[in-house]
Structure formats: C-alpha cells, structure tokens
Amino acid sequence: MNVQTETFHGYGRQGQMSDRTAVECRFGGDVESVLAVHAEIFLSGAEVTEGEVRYEGRVRFTLVYEDGDRRICRAERGVEFAARAKGGACRPGQTARVYAYAENTSVRREGAGIYASAAIVAEISLYGDTKAEYVVGGDLVCRRERVACSVCRLCAGDLETDDLFETEAVADILLHSERVCVTRVAALHGALAVEGEVNLGILALRADNSLVSFERLIPFRAELPCEATPDCRGDARVNVKDVTLRAESDEEDKKCRIFAECALHAEGYVWETVQLDAVSDAFSVTHEVKLSYAECSTEEVGERALITERVSGRAALSAPVDFSDSFQAVILQRAEAVRTADENGVRAEGAITATLLVQGADGARRGVELSLPFSLPLPVEGEVILSAMSCGMSARQRQEGSVDAEATLKLTVVPVHNGRVRWLAGVQEGECLPENDCAISIYVPRAGDGLWELARRLRKSPEEVCENNPDLEFPIREGQRVIVYRKKALSQAPDVKKS
C-alpha cells in the first residue's frame, strides 16, 4: 500500500524547570549594625547536557552598615557560582534560557565576621528543534484537516540607556538597585521591538551623615534582529548587566548632578503559526489498516497589557517601630505577583517589599523589612505571564507601632495560549477485506452519523456515498436508508468457431 508522508520541521519550547542554589559571602571589618544588604546576580552562561542544565555566574553583595563610631559605611563583595539543574527533558543541542534572581537575602554574624547569603532562583526554559512525519495521502481514503502549529524563533541583543538628573547635594552613593519593566513588545519586519523602563533606586549619604533615597525611571528601546513579520506574536525579558553612576556636586548651589548609564541584555522570542495540510483519519477500501498518531504542543502569546495602580495600606514589619523612630529612607523595592482564580474571577495577588531605614532616639540606625500586600483583577481569564515592578514607595507612622505604606505598582500581563494538535503519522497495512459480490446493498445507518463516519463504515469514499445517495442529509436521521452500488464486469461468452 502506497502511503505518502511529509515531515514537519519546527522549533519551540520543549520544557520548563526551576532550580535553587544557595550562595554566601563573608564581610570583615568593624560592622556594628547592618542597615541593608543587596544581592545582584549576573549570569555568564548556560549549557544543556543530557539530563541537566549547567549555569554559572557571579553574585555581587552590597552591605550598608554602621561601624563602632556610628559612621555609615558600605562594602561590596562578589562570589562566583556554578549550579546544575536536573531535568528529564534536557538534551544536548537544546538552548537554555535562564532567568535568575536573588531571594531570601539575609546576613548573620559569626564571631568577627558578617556573612551575607541569598538563594539564587533560576527559571529555565528549554528550546530545540522538533521533527515529525504526517500523512498527506496515498492509497487511502483520507479526512484532511488544516492543522495550526506554532514555530518559535529566539533572538537576543545588548543595549544601553542613560540618564542625567539633578538631586540635592550628596557626599557618597552607598547603594543602588534596579528593576526592569517591559511595557511593549511588537514584531516588525525582521526585528522584535522591545520597550520599557529601568527603575533605578539610589541610597546616598549627605554631608551631615544623614541618609536620603531617590528614584529615577529611565526609558529604553531596542530592536532585536530576528525572522519576524508584523503578523507574529512575541515576548521578551530584559536584565540589567551593569550600572555605572557618576556624581558631580556643586557646593554653591548645594545640588548634585548624577549621570547613570545602564547596560542591558534583552532576550526575546517570536511565534509564527504554520498551517499543515495533514490527515486526521483514513481507511482503506481493500485492506484493514492500523493507524498511528503524533501530537505536537503549541504555544503562543497574546497582546501585552500594562496595569498601573497605586497600592496603599497597612504594612507588615519585621521589627517593631514607635514614635521615637524617624524614617529616613525606603530602599530595595521589589514586587512579586502570582495569578489566582476563584468564584470572583482572575486576580493578581502578591506583595511589595522594601527595606525601611529607621533612626532611633539614641541616634542608632537600623533596617526594618516591610511588606505591603495587594490583590488586583486581571483583564484576561486564561493563563498569563505576570511580572511586577514597584516604584515611588513611601511610609509613615500615623499610629504608634504601625506603618502605612503606599507605592505605585506596574503590572505587565501577557496572555499565554497553550494547546496540542494531533495528526495521522503512520499507516500499517493489515489483512485484505472480504469482497462483497452483491451489485446493490442497502444499509440502515446509525442516527446522528456524519458523512465521514458513514463512509468509513461502508468502506466507500464520501464522494461515492453522496453520488449514490444524493438525497441524504447529515447528520443521519432515524429511518434513512443508504444504497451502495458495486460495478460488476460482464463476462463475455467465448467465441465459437464455425466449421
């Protein structure tokens, strides 16, 4: 039996996994009280091997503290790391996209040393080639369907953005942190356009040894070259590779000009829908056949939406405060959100966290962790990719012992459409079907059958069934009859030779 097949070549996401690894770094020196600790992760590479993903990089810890003389100081240390994430879907030749961030950053004192530690959380997506055969025809009666498959293409690129702004006079910059919000992703002809902003937070020291914090939203835009058209859908993630700050003070005007230069790395992907003329079902009019099927996962993203909301309320505190404390700065803002669904609809729930720097009545400073929860309705009902960024956070003590916080939350929502498509992949020929000698047969079909189900049962093509039964209506009604005609060759009598 002749069976015609073609091969589908695609590229897409073949698995997702997550990994956690712990790192720590030792600080020496005269550390009396730790005010804040910040961990930044810089990935340097990732490799997929059989059963695992190996990724490596560097963690930079920044410590702001008071020494024995209550002077504000800063220290910076780095530590290299290499980790292995185990996963059954990992195969050589795949590409791993790794997004890593620090979680549960903390400090502890052991003897004369201070140890900063953090958990590195890695979210890993695996991409690779896919190949599958599908039946397109042959000596078969085929039911054809257009099958929509999604093909992914990866792209990446480095970019820079900068800003120059003026603040009050500062003596030193102690700490800076960055968060990225991608506000728009659009496929163009031959490129993926990515736009967003970097929220730069700075903790600085004034000349009188007091603290001050300020923020700056720095926009960016990049076009990542890739095989794309405006009909494609895409998404992207942007990480901060490095930040350079230069400060110039003007003693007369008591102002400071700060130049910030941000080096960013963007990783994007676009999805294109490919239509295959595949066969979903088939049968033979002469032989029994055994059919085998293949499945392929599909993935596509929808239009990105940006939700900006002012969030306020009572914050949870890691340590008590009272009216003798003065609030000096709010630093290290970060926001996390997850999708939830209940009878009230789909929502984004999470919390905005930050470090509140407080000075007590005795002049000693300390850092207090605060957390402000939020819950917002989402404009989509299905699965989504959520990312959140907080900016402009403030805190005040209206009632002794409690802190009211307020912040601007920027939430990006990307709908995700996952599915699976199925097609006929192979046909195995079986025994010959017995031949019916009748010239005409009348069948009583099952009510509710469609044309294809009826043709398959009769072992006739749908066109032949309709040709012999032009008055049939589908789906079949109760009491209808189907006539099958079979062409028979007339036997000719042998010639008789006359003598």
Protein backbone atom coordinates (compact mmCIF):
# COMPACT_ATOMS: atom_id res chain seq x y z
CA MET A 1 0.00 0.00 0.00
CA ASN A 2 1.35 3.37 -1.00
CA VAL A 3 1.27 5.94 1.86
CA GLN A 4 2.54 9.47 1.21
CA THR A 5 4.09 11.39 4.12
CA GLU A 6 5.81 14.70 4.67
CA THR A 7 7.98 15.93 7.55
CA PHE A 8 7.23 18.93 9.75
CA HIS A 9 10.33 20.79 10.95
CA GLY A 10 9.75 23.22 13.79
CA TYR A 11 11.39 24.89 16.77
CA GLY A 12 9.82 25.58 20.11
CA ARG A 13 9.79 25.29 23.86
CA GLN A 14 10.44 21.69 24.91
CA GLY A 15 10.36 22.03 28.66
CA GLN A 16 10.41 24.31 31.68
CA MET A 17 12.10 23.82 35.02
CA SER A 18 13.25 25.74 38.07
CA ASP A 19 16.24 25.44 40.37
CA ARG A 20 17.50 26.92 43.61
CA THR A 21 21.02 27.18 44.92
CA ALA A 22 22.44 28.99 47.94
CA VAL A 23 25.46 31.30 47.97
CA GLU A 24 27.13 33.28 50.73
CA CYS A 25 29.93 35.75 51.14
CA ARG A 26 31.95 36.86 54.18
CA PHE A 27 32.47 40.50 55.14
CA GLY A 28 35.09 41.60 57.61
CA GLY A 29 35.69 44.98 59.19
CA ASP A 30 34.08 46.91 62.03
CA VAL A 31 30.37 46.18 61.45
CA GLU A 32 28.29 47.36 64.37
CA SER A 33 24.83 47.25 62.79
CA VAL A 34 23.75 46.15 59.31
CA LEU A 35 21.27 48.54 57.72
CA ALA A 36 20.72 46.85 54.34
CA VAL A 37 22.07 44.06 52.19
CA HIS A 38 21.51 43.70 48.46
CA ALA A 39 22.34 40.80 46.15
CA GLU A 40 22.64 41.14 42.36
CA ILE A 41 23.02 38.17 40.02
CA PHE A 42 24.94 38.28 36.76
CA LEU A 43 24.73 35.14 34.62
CA SER A 44 27.69 34.35 32.39
CA GLY A 45 26.48 31.24 30.57
CA ALA A 46 24.28 28.15 30.41
CA GLU A 47 24.76 24.76 28.76
CA VAL A 48 22.34 21.88 28.25
CA THR A 49 23.69 18.35 28.66
CA GLU A 50 21.97 15.00 28.99
CA GLY A 51 19.56 15.29 31.92
CA GLU A 52 20.69 18.68 33.26
CA VAL A 53 21.31 22.37 32.63
CA ARG A 54 24.58 23.83 33.86
CA TYR A 55 24.54 27.57 34.50
CA GLU A 56 27.06 29.86 36.13
CA GLY A 57 27.69 33.46 37.01
CA ARG A 58 28.51 35.87 39.79
CA VAL A 59 26.64 37.27 42.77
CA ARG A 60 27.54 40.74 44.00
CA PHE A 61 26.63 41.52 47.60
CA THR A 62 26.48 45.14 48.79
CA LEU A 63 26.38 45.81 52.53
CA VAL A 64 25.42 49.15 54.13
CA TYR A 65 26.23 49.31 57.84
CA GLU A 66 27.19 51.42 60.83
CA ASP A 67 30.63 50.95 62.33
CA GLY A 68 31.55 51.30 66.01
CA ASP A 69 31.60 55.10 65.69
CA ARG A 70 28.17 55.12 64.05
CA ARG A 71 29.56 56.16 60.72
CA ILE A 72 27.67 54.95 57.67
CA CYS A 73 29.83 52.66 55.55
CA ARG A 74 29.44 50.39 52.57
CA ALA A 75 31.23 47.24 51.46
CA GLU A 76 30.99 45.18 48.31
CA ARG A 77 31.99 41.56 47.73
CA GLY A 78 31.48 39.14 44.87
CA VAL A 79 31.29 35.38 44.69
CA GLU A 80 31.29 33.06 41.69
CA PHE A 81 28.78 30.23 41.45
CA ALA A 82 28.11 27.22 39.23
CA ALA A 83 24.91 25.18 39.50
CA ARG A 84 23.26 22.18 37.87
CA ALA A 85 19.53 21.88 37.38
CA LYS A 86 18.35 18.31 36.83
CA GLY A 87 15.57 17.62 34.33
CA GLY A 88 14.44 14.67 32.23
CA ALA A 89 13.64 16.93 29.25
CA CYS A 90 17.25 18.17 28.95
CA ARG A 91 19.05 17.06 25.78
CA PRO A 92 22.31 18.17 24.13
CA GLY A 93 21.68 20.61 21.31
CA GLN A 94 18.92 22.45 23.12
CA THR A 95 19.13 26.12 24.06
CA ALA A 96 18.51 27.10 27.68
CA ARG A 97 17.08 30.49 28.53
CA VAL A 98 17.82 31.12 32.21
CA TYR A 99 16.30 33.95 34.23
CA ALA A 100 17.84 34.18 37.70
CA TYR A 101 17.06 36.39 40.67
CA ALA A 102 18.01 36.55 44.36
CA GLU A 103 15.60 35.59 47.10
CA ASN A 104 15.75 35.48 50.92
CA THR A 105 18.80 37.72 51.15
CA SER A 106 19.99 37.88 54.76
CA VAL A 107 23.00 38.46 57.00
CA ARG A 108 24.28 36.70 60.10
CA ARG A 109 27.15 37.31 62.48
CA GLU A 110 29.68 34.61 63.29
CA GLY A 111 32.49 35.78 65.54
CA ALA A 112 34.17 38.79 63.96
CA GLY A 113 32.70 38.13 60.53
CA ILE A 114 29.43 39.04 58.86
CA TYR A 115 28.06 36.53 56.35
CA ALA A 116 25.63 37.60 53.63
CA SER A 117 23.65 34.82 51.99
CA ALA A 118 21.00 34.53 49.30
CA ALA A 119 19.08 31.90 47.39
CA ILE A 120 19.52 32.01 43.63
CA VAL A 121 16.23 31.12 41.95
CA ALA A 122 16.62 30.09 38.30
CA GLU A 123 13.66 29.82 35.93
CA ILE A 124 14.77 27.79 32.91
CA SER A 125 13.10 27.30 29.53
CA LEU A 126 14.41 24.72 27.07
CA TYR A 127 14.15 25.30 23.32
CA GLY A 128 15.00 22.92 20.50
CA ASP A 129 14.21 21.50 17.09
CA THR A 130 11.14 19.35 16.57
CA LYS A 131 10.56 16.94 13.70
CA ALA A 132 7.51 14.80 12.98
CA GLU A 133 6.11 12.93 9.99
CA TYR A 134 2.49 13.29 8.93
CA VAL A 135 0.39 11.50 6.33
CA VAL A 136 -0.74 13.56 3.33
CA GLY A 137 -2.25 10.90 1.04
CA GLY A 138 -1.66 7.65 -0.86
CA ASP A 139 -3.82 4.58 -1.47
CA LEU A 140 -6.22 5.66 1.26
CA VAL A 141 -9.48 7.48 1.71
CA CYS A 142 -8.37 10.46 3.80
CA ARG A 143 -10.05 13.00 6.00
CA ARG A 144 -7.98 16.16 5.74
CA GLU A 145 -7.72 19.00 8.21
CA ARG A 146 -5.71 22.19 8.39
CA VAL A 147 -3.54 21.88 11.48
CA ALA A 148 -2.16 25.07 13.04
CA CYS A 149 1.34 24.59 14.51
CA SER A 150 3.38 27.28 16.24
CA VAL A 151 7.05 27.76 15.40
CA CYS A 152 9.25 29.72 17.79
CA ARG A 153 12.30 31.79 16.94
CA LEU A 154 14.75 33.14 19.52
CA CYS A 155 16.56 36.46 19.45
CA ALA A 156 18.78 38.41 21.81
CA GLY A 157 20.83 41.57 21.99
CA ASP A 158 22.64 44.06 24.22
CA LEU A 159 21.61 47.68 24.60
CA GLU A 160 22.45 50.74 26.62
CA THR A 161 20.42 53.56 28.07
CA ASP A 162 21.44 56.54 30.16
CA ASP A 163 20.04 59.49 32.06
CA LEU A 164 21.30 62.71 33.60
CA PHE A 165 19.38 64.15 36.52
CA GLU A 166 19.83 66.61 39.36
CA THR A 167 19.31 65.95 43.08
CA GLU A 168 20.18 67.58 46.35
CA ALA A 169 23.85 67.53 47.28
CA VAL A 170 25.17 64.15 48.45
CA ALA A 171 28.55 63.13 49.80
CA ASP A 172 28.53 59.48 48.63
CA ILE A 173 26.37 56.91 46.90
CA LEU A 174 26.01 53.90 49.18
CA LEU A 175 23.73 51.56 47.28
CA HIS A 176 21.82 51.29 44.03
CA SER A 177 19.27 48.77 42.82
CA GLU A 178 17.50 48.27 39.50
CA ARG A 179 14.22 46.75 38.39
CA VAL A 180 13.09 46.44 34.76
CA CYS A 181 9.56 46.76 33.42
CA VAL A 182 8.97 45.77 29.77
CA THR A 183 5.99 47.82 28.63
CA ARG A 184 5.71 46.92 24.93
CA VAL A 185 6.85 44.11 22.64
CA ALA A 186 5.97 44.16 18.93
CA ALA A 187 7.09 42.10 15.95
CA LEU A 188 8.32 44.09 12.97
CA HIS A 189 9.69 43.11 9.59
CA GLY A 190 12.95 41.40 10.54
CA ALA A 191 13.08 42.52 14.17
CA LEU A 192 11.41 42.37 17.57
CA ALA A 193 10.88 45.81 19.12
CA VAL A 194 11.18 45.94 22.91
CA GLU A 195 10.36 48.99 25.02
CA GLY A 196 10.31 49.60 28.76
CA GLU A 197 11.91 51.40 31.65
CA VAL A 198 14.51 50.78 34.32
CA ASN A 199 13.60 51.83 37.85
CA LEU A 200 16.89 53.00 39.37
CA GLY A 201 16.85 53.34 43.16
CA ILE A 202 19.72 55.07 44.93
CA LEU A 203 20.63 55.32 48.61
CA ALA A 204 23.01 58.21 49.29
CA LEU A 205 24.80 59.80 52.24
CA ARG A 206 24.55 63.52 52.89
CA ALA A 207 27.44 65.57 54.17
CA ASP A 208 25.89 65.64 57.68
CA ASN A 209 25.95 61.79 57.75
CA SER A 210 22.18 61.50 57.22
CA LEU A 211 20.60 59.23 54.62
CA VAL A 212 18.47 60.05 51.59
CA SER A 213 16.95 57.88 48.86
CA PHE A 214 15.60 58.76 45.43
CA GLU A 215 14.46 57.01 42.26
CA ARG A 216 14.62 57.51 38.54
CA LEU A 217 12.66 55.84 35.73
CA ILE A 218 14.95 55.50 32.70
CA PRO A 219 13.26 54.51 29.41
CA PHE A 220 14.84 52.17 26.86
CA ARG A 221 14.05 50.80 23.41
CA ALA A 222 15.74 48.15 21.31
CA GLU A 223 15.17 46.23 18.09
CA LEU A 224 16.38 42.63 18.21
CA PRO A 225 17.10 41.22 14.73
CA CYS A 226 15.13 38.02 14.02
CA GLU A 227 12.98 36.31 11.40
CA ALA A 228 9.73 38.08 12.19
CA THR A 229 6.80 39.76 10.48
CA PRO A 230 4.09 42.03 11.93
CA ASP A 231 1.75 39.01 11.98
CA CYS A 232 3.90 37.26 14.60
CA ARG A 233 3.43 37.47 18.35
CA GLY A 234 6.40 37.92 20.62
CA ASP A 235 7.61 38.45 24.15
CA ALA A 236 10.88 39.48 25.76
CA ARG A 237 12.73 39.71 29.03
CA VAL A 238 15.35 42.34 29.86
CA ASN A 239 18.07 42.00 32.51
CA VAL A 240 20.49 44.58 33.88
CA LYS A 241 24.10 43.67 33.13
CA ASP A 242 25.76 46.63 34.80
CA VAL A 243 25.14 50.17 36.01
CA THR A 244 27.67 52.99 36.14
CA LEU A 245 26.96 56.06 38.29
CA ARG A 246 28.91 59.32 38.31
CA ALA A 247 28.08 62.14 40.69
CA GLU A 248 29.21 65.78 40.39
CA SER A 249 28.43 68.05 43.35
CA ASP A 250 28.01 71.79 43.24
CA GLU A 251 28.85 73.18 46.68
CA GLU A 252 27.45 76.64 45.94
CA ASP A 253 24.03 75.51 44.70
CA LYS A 254 24.00 72.50 47.05
CA LYS A 255 23.00 70.35 44.11
CA CYS A 256 24.34 67.16 42.62
CA ARG A 257 24.26 66.02 39.01
CA ILE A 258 24.15 62.24 38.58
CA PHE A 259 24.89 60.51 35.31
CA ALA A 260 23.56 56.94 35.13
CA GLU A 261 24.50 54.51 32.37
CA CYS A 262 22.73 51.13 32.24
CA ALA A 263 23.95 48.16 30.22
CA LEU A 264 21.05 45.80 29.48
CA HIS A 265 20.63 42.39 27.88
CA ALA A 266 17.36 41.51 26.14
CA GLU A 267 16.19 38.00 25.25
CA GLY A 268 13.13 37.69 23.04
CA TYR A 269 11.13 35.10 21.16
CA VAL A 270 8.51 35.26 18.42
CA TRP A 271 5.85 32.72 17.46
CA GLU A 272 4.64 32.16 13.94
CA THR A 273 1.63 29.99 13.06
CA VAL A 274 2.26 27.41 10.32
CA GLN A 275 -0.70 25.66 8.65
CA LEU A 276 -0.20 21.99 7.73
CA ASP A 277 -2.46 20.15 5.29
CA ALA A 278 -2.48 16.96 7.37
CA VAL A 279 -4.69 13.88 7.59
CA SER A 280 -6.67 13.32 10.78
CA ASP A 281 -8.26 9.97 9.84
CA ALA A 282 -8.05 7.44 7.00
CA PHE A 283 -9.16 3.99 5.88
CA SER A 284 -8.57 1.60 3.00
CA VAL A 285 -11.28 0.11 0.79
CA THR A 286 -9.21 -3.04 0.25
CA HIS A 287 -7.31 -3.74 3.49
CA GLU A 288 -7.55 -3.48 7.22
CA VAL A 289 -5.19 -0.74 8.43
CA LYS A 290 -3.70 0.18 11.78
CA LEU A 291 -3.28 3.92 12.30
CA SER A 292 -0.70 5.67 14.48
CA TYR A 293 -0.89 9.30 15.54
CA ALA A 294 1.54 12.02 16.63
CA GLU A 295 0.94 15.04 18.84
CA CYS A 296 2.68 18.40 18.95
CA SER A 297 2.39 21.08 21.62
CA THR A 298 1.58 24.63 20.54
CA GLU A 299 2.27 27.88 22.33
CA GLU A 300 1.51 31.48 21.53
CA VAL A 301 1.36 34.73 23.46
CA GLY A 302 -1.26 37.46 23.26
CA GLU A 303 -1.10 41.22 23.43
CA ARG A 304 0.82 42.58 26.42
CA ALA A 305 -1.19 44.75 28.82
CA LEU A 306 0.23 47.19 31.37
CA ILE A 307 -1.69 47.83 34.60
CA THR A 308 -0.56 50.77 36.76
CA GLU A 309 -2.14 51.02 40.18
CA ARG A 310 -1.44 52.99 43.34
CA VAL A 311 -1.38 50.50 46.22
CA SER A 312 -1.69 51.55 49.86
CA GLY A 313 -2.43 50.02 53.23
CA ARG A 314 -1.03 48.73 56.49
CA ALA A 315 2.40 47.12 56.02
CA ALA A 316 3.72 44.08 57.84
CA LEU A 317 7.03 44.73 59.67
CA SER A 318 9.98 42.51 60.51
CA ALA A 319 10.75 44.53 63.68
CA PRO A 320 8.76 46.95 65.86
CA VAL A 321 8.83 50.75 65.49
CA ASP A 322 7.47 53.56 67.68
CA PHE A 323 7.09 57.33 67.66
CA SER A 324 10.68 57.81 68.84
CA ASP A 325 11.89 56.47 65.49
CA SER A 326 12.37 58.72 62.48
CA PHE A 327 12.00 57.26 58.98
CA GLN A 328 14.93 58.18 56.74
CA ALA A 329 14.64 56.20 53.51
CA VAL A 330 12.78 53.43 51.71
CA ILE A 331 15.09 51.31 49.53
CA LEU A 332 15.31 47.99 47.66
CA GLN A 333 11.72 47.96 46.46
CA ARG A 334 10.59 44.78 44.75
CA ALA A 335 7.24 43.27 43.83
CA GLU A 336 6.12 39.69 43.22
CA ALA A 337 2.75 38.61 41.81
CA VAL A 338 1.01 35.32 41.02
CA ARG A 339 -2.21 34.53 39.19
CA THR A 340 -5.14 33.27 41.24
CA ALA A 341 -8.69 32.31 40.24
CA ASP A 342 -11.85 31.80 42.29
CA GLU A 343 -15.58 32.50 42.07
CA ASN A 344 -14.78 36.23 41.99
CA GLY A 345 -12.66 35.95 38.83
CA VAL A 346 -8.97 36.02 37.95
CA ARG A 347 -6.68 38.19 40.03
CA ALA A 348 -3.03 39.08 40.52
CA GLU A 349 -2.03 38.67 44.16
CA GLY A 350 1.29 39.38 45.77
CA ALA A 351 3.23 41.84 47.87
CA ILE A 352 5.52 44.84 47.54
CA THR A 353 8.52 44.55 49.85
CA ALA A 354 11.22 47.07 50.78
CA THR A 355 13.75 47.99 53.42
CA LEU A 356 12.81 50.90 55.67
CA LEU A 357 15.80 52.69 57.22
CA VAL A 358 14.98 53.98 60.70
CA GLN A 359 16.94 56.13 63.17
CA GLY A 360 16.15 55.64 66.84
CA ALA A 361 16.09 58.18 69.65
CA ASP A 362 19.66 57.23 70.58
CA GLY A 363 20.87 58.04 67.06
CA ALA A 364 21.45 54.42 66.06
CA ARG A 365 20.12 53.33 62.68
CA ARG A 366 18.60 50.02 61.68
CA GLY A 367 16.83 48.43 58.76
CA VAL A 368 13.25 47.14 59.00
CA GLU A 369 11.75 44.95 56.30
CA LEU A 370 8.20 45.89 55.34
CA SER A 371 5.66 44.11 53.15
CA LEU A 372 2.56 45.62 51.53
CA PRO A 373 0.10 43.05 50.07
CA PHE A 374 -2.06 43.70 47.01
CA SER A 375 -4.80 42.00 45.01
CA LEU A 376 -5.88 43.30 41.59
CA PRO A 377 -8.37 41.97 38.99
CA LEU A 378 -6.86 40.85 35.68
CA PRO A 379 -8.36 41.68 32.27
CA VAL A 380 -7.89 38.10 30.96
CA GLU A 381 -9.28 34.77 32.14
CA GLY A 382 -6.75 32.19 30.92
CA GLU A 383 -3.11 31.53 31.72
CA VAL A 384 -0.82 34.55 31.82
CA ILE A 385 2.80 35.57 32.35
CA LEU A 386 2.95 38.14 35.15
CA SER A 387 5.77 40.49 36.00
CA ALA A 388 5.64 43.30 38.54
CA MET A 389 7.66 46.38 39.43
CA SER A 390 7.23 48.81 42.32
CA CYS A 391 8.27 52.46 42.39
CA GLY A 392 7.63 55.60 44.41
CA MET A 393 7.15 53.84 47.74
CA SER A 394 6.64 55.90 50.89
CA ALA A 395 6.00 55.02 54.53
CA ARG A 396 4.75 56.89 57.57
CA GLN A 397 3.69 56.16 61.11
CA ARG A 398 0.21 57.52 61.79
CA GLN A 399 -0.41 55.23 64.72
CA GLU A 400 2.40 54.21 67.03
CA GLY A 401 3.76 50.80 66.23
CA SER A 402 2.19 50.53 62.75
CA VAL A 403 3.34 51.73 59.32
CA ASP A 404 1.11 52.87 56.47
CA ALA A 405 2.83 52.37 53.11
CA GLU A 406 1.99 53.50 49.60
CA ALA A 407 3.57 52.58 46.26
CA THR A 408 2.96 52.56 42.53
CA LEU A 409 2.64 49.04 41.15
CA LYS A 410 3.33 48.39 37.47
CA LEU A 411 2.00 45.00 36.44
CA THR A 412 2.50 43.55 32.96
CA VAL A 413 0.11 40.81 31.82
CA VAL A 414 0.87 38.58 28.82
CA PRO A 415 -1.82 36.01 27.90
CA VAL A 416 -0.45 32.56 27.02
CA HIS A 417 -2.29 30.10 24.79
CA ASN A 418 -1.07 26.52 25.15
CA GLY A 419 -2.53 23.60 23.24
CA ARG A 420 -1.86 20.37 21.40
CA VAL A 421 -2.53 19.34 17.81
CA ARG A 422 -2.87 15.76 16.55
CA TRP A 423 -2.38 14.22 13.13
CA LEU A 424 -2.05 10.85 11.42
CA ALA A 425 1.62 9.87 11.44
CA GLY A 426 1.70 6.33 10.06
CA VAL A 427 -0.36 3.54 8.49
CA GLN A 428 0.32 -0.18 8.83
CA GLU A 429 -1.30 -2.45 6.23
CA GLY A 430 -3.32 -5.44 7.52
CA GLU A 431 -5.34 -8.28 6.03
CA CYS A 432 -7.37 -7.99 2.84
CA LEU A 433 -11.03 -7.16 3.27
CA PRO A 434 -13.54 -9.77 2.01
CA GLU A 435 -15.13 -8.78 -1.28
CA ASN A 436 -18.90 -8.30 -1.43
CA ASP A 437 -20.42 -9.97 -4.51
CA CYS A 438 -23.72 -8.11 -4.35
CA ALA A 439 -24.29 -5.48 -7.02
CA ILE A 440 -26.54 -3.43 -4.74
CA SER A 441 -26.64 -3.26 -0.93
CA ILE A 442 -28.99 -1.32 1.29
CA TYR A 443 -27.75 -0.20 4.73
CA VAL A 444 -29.60 1.18 7.71
CA PRO A 445 -27.14 3.74 9.18
CA ARG A 446 -26.98 4.92 12.77
CA ALA A 447 -28.85 8.11 13.54
CA GLY A 448 -26.52 11.03 14.15
CA ASP A 449 -23.69 9.82 11.91
CA GLY A 450 -21.91 12.34 9.72
CA LEU A 451 -20.75 11.78 6.18
CA TRP A 452 -17.23 10.72 7.19
CA GLU A 453 -18.41 8.24 9.84
CA LEU A 454 -20.85 6.71 7.34
CA ALA A 455 -18.25 6.47 4.55
CA ARG A 456 -15.74 4.84 6.91
CA ARG A 457 -18.27 2.23 7.96
CA LEU A 458 -19.24 1.47 4.36
CA ARG A 459 -15.61 1.49 3.13
CA LYS A 460 -16.57 3.93 0.41
CA SER A 461 -15.27 7.43 -0.27
CA PRO A 462 -17.51 10.29 0.89
CA GLU A 463 -17.85 11.39 -2.74
CA GLU A 464 -19.13 7.96 -3.79
CA VAL A 465 -21.64 7.82 -0.93
CA CYS A 466 -23.05 11.22 -1.90
CA GLU A 467 -23.11 10.33 -5.60
CA ASN A 468 -25.18 7.18 -4.93
CA ASN A 469 -27.40 8.89 -2.35
CA PRO A 470 -27.96 12.50 -3.39
CA ASP A 471 -30.94 12.93 -1.06
CA LEU A 472 -29.07 12.05 2.14
CA GLU A 473 -28.98 14.73 4.83
CA PHE A 474 -26.33 14.88 7.54
CA PRO A 475 -26.28 14.16 10.34
CA ILE A 476 -28.26 10.99 9.54
CA ARG A 477 -31.87 10.95 10.72
CA GLU A 478 -33.68 7.95 12.13
CA GLY A 479 -35.12 5.68 9.40
CA GLN A 480 -32.94 6.83 6.50
CA ARG A 481 -31.53 4.25 4.11
CA VAL A 482 -28.23 4.17 2.21
CA ILE A 483 -27.75 2.45 -1.14
CA VAL A 484 -24.35 1.15 -2.25
CA TYR A 485 -23.82 0.21 -5.90
CA ARG A 486 -20.97 -2.03 -6.94
CA LYS A 487 -19.88 -2.15 -10.55
CA LYS A 488 -19.58 -5.68 -11.90
CA ALA A 489 -17.71 -6.67 -15.04
CA LEU A 490 -19.83 -8.57 -17.54
CA SER A 491 -18.36 -11.90 -18.53
CA GLN A 492 -18.24 -12.50 -22.31
CA ALA A 493 -19.01 -15.86 -23.89
CA PRO A 494 -16.05 -17.45 -25.70
CA ASP A 495 -16.04 -17.17 -29.47
CA VAL A 496 -17.31 -20.35 -31.27
CA LYS A 497 -15.56 -21.22 -34.44
CA LYS A 498 -17.97 -22.31 -37.12
CA SER A 499 -16.97 -25.26 -39.25
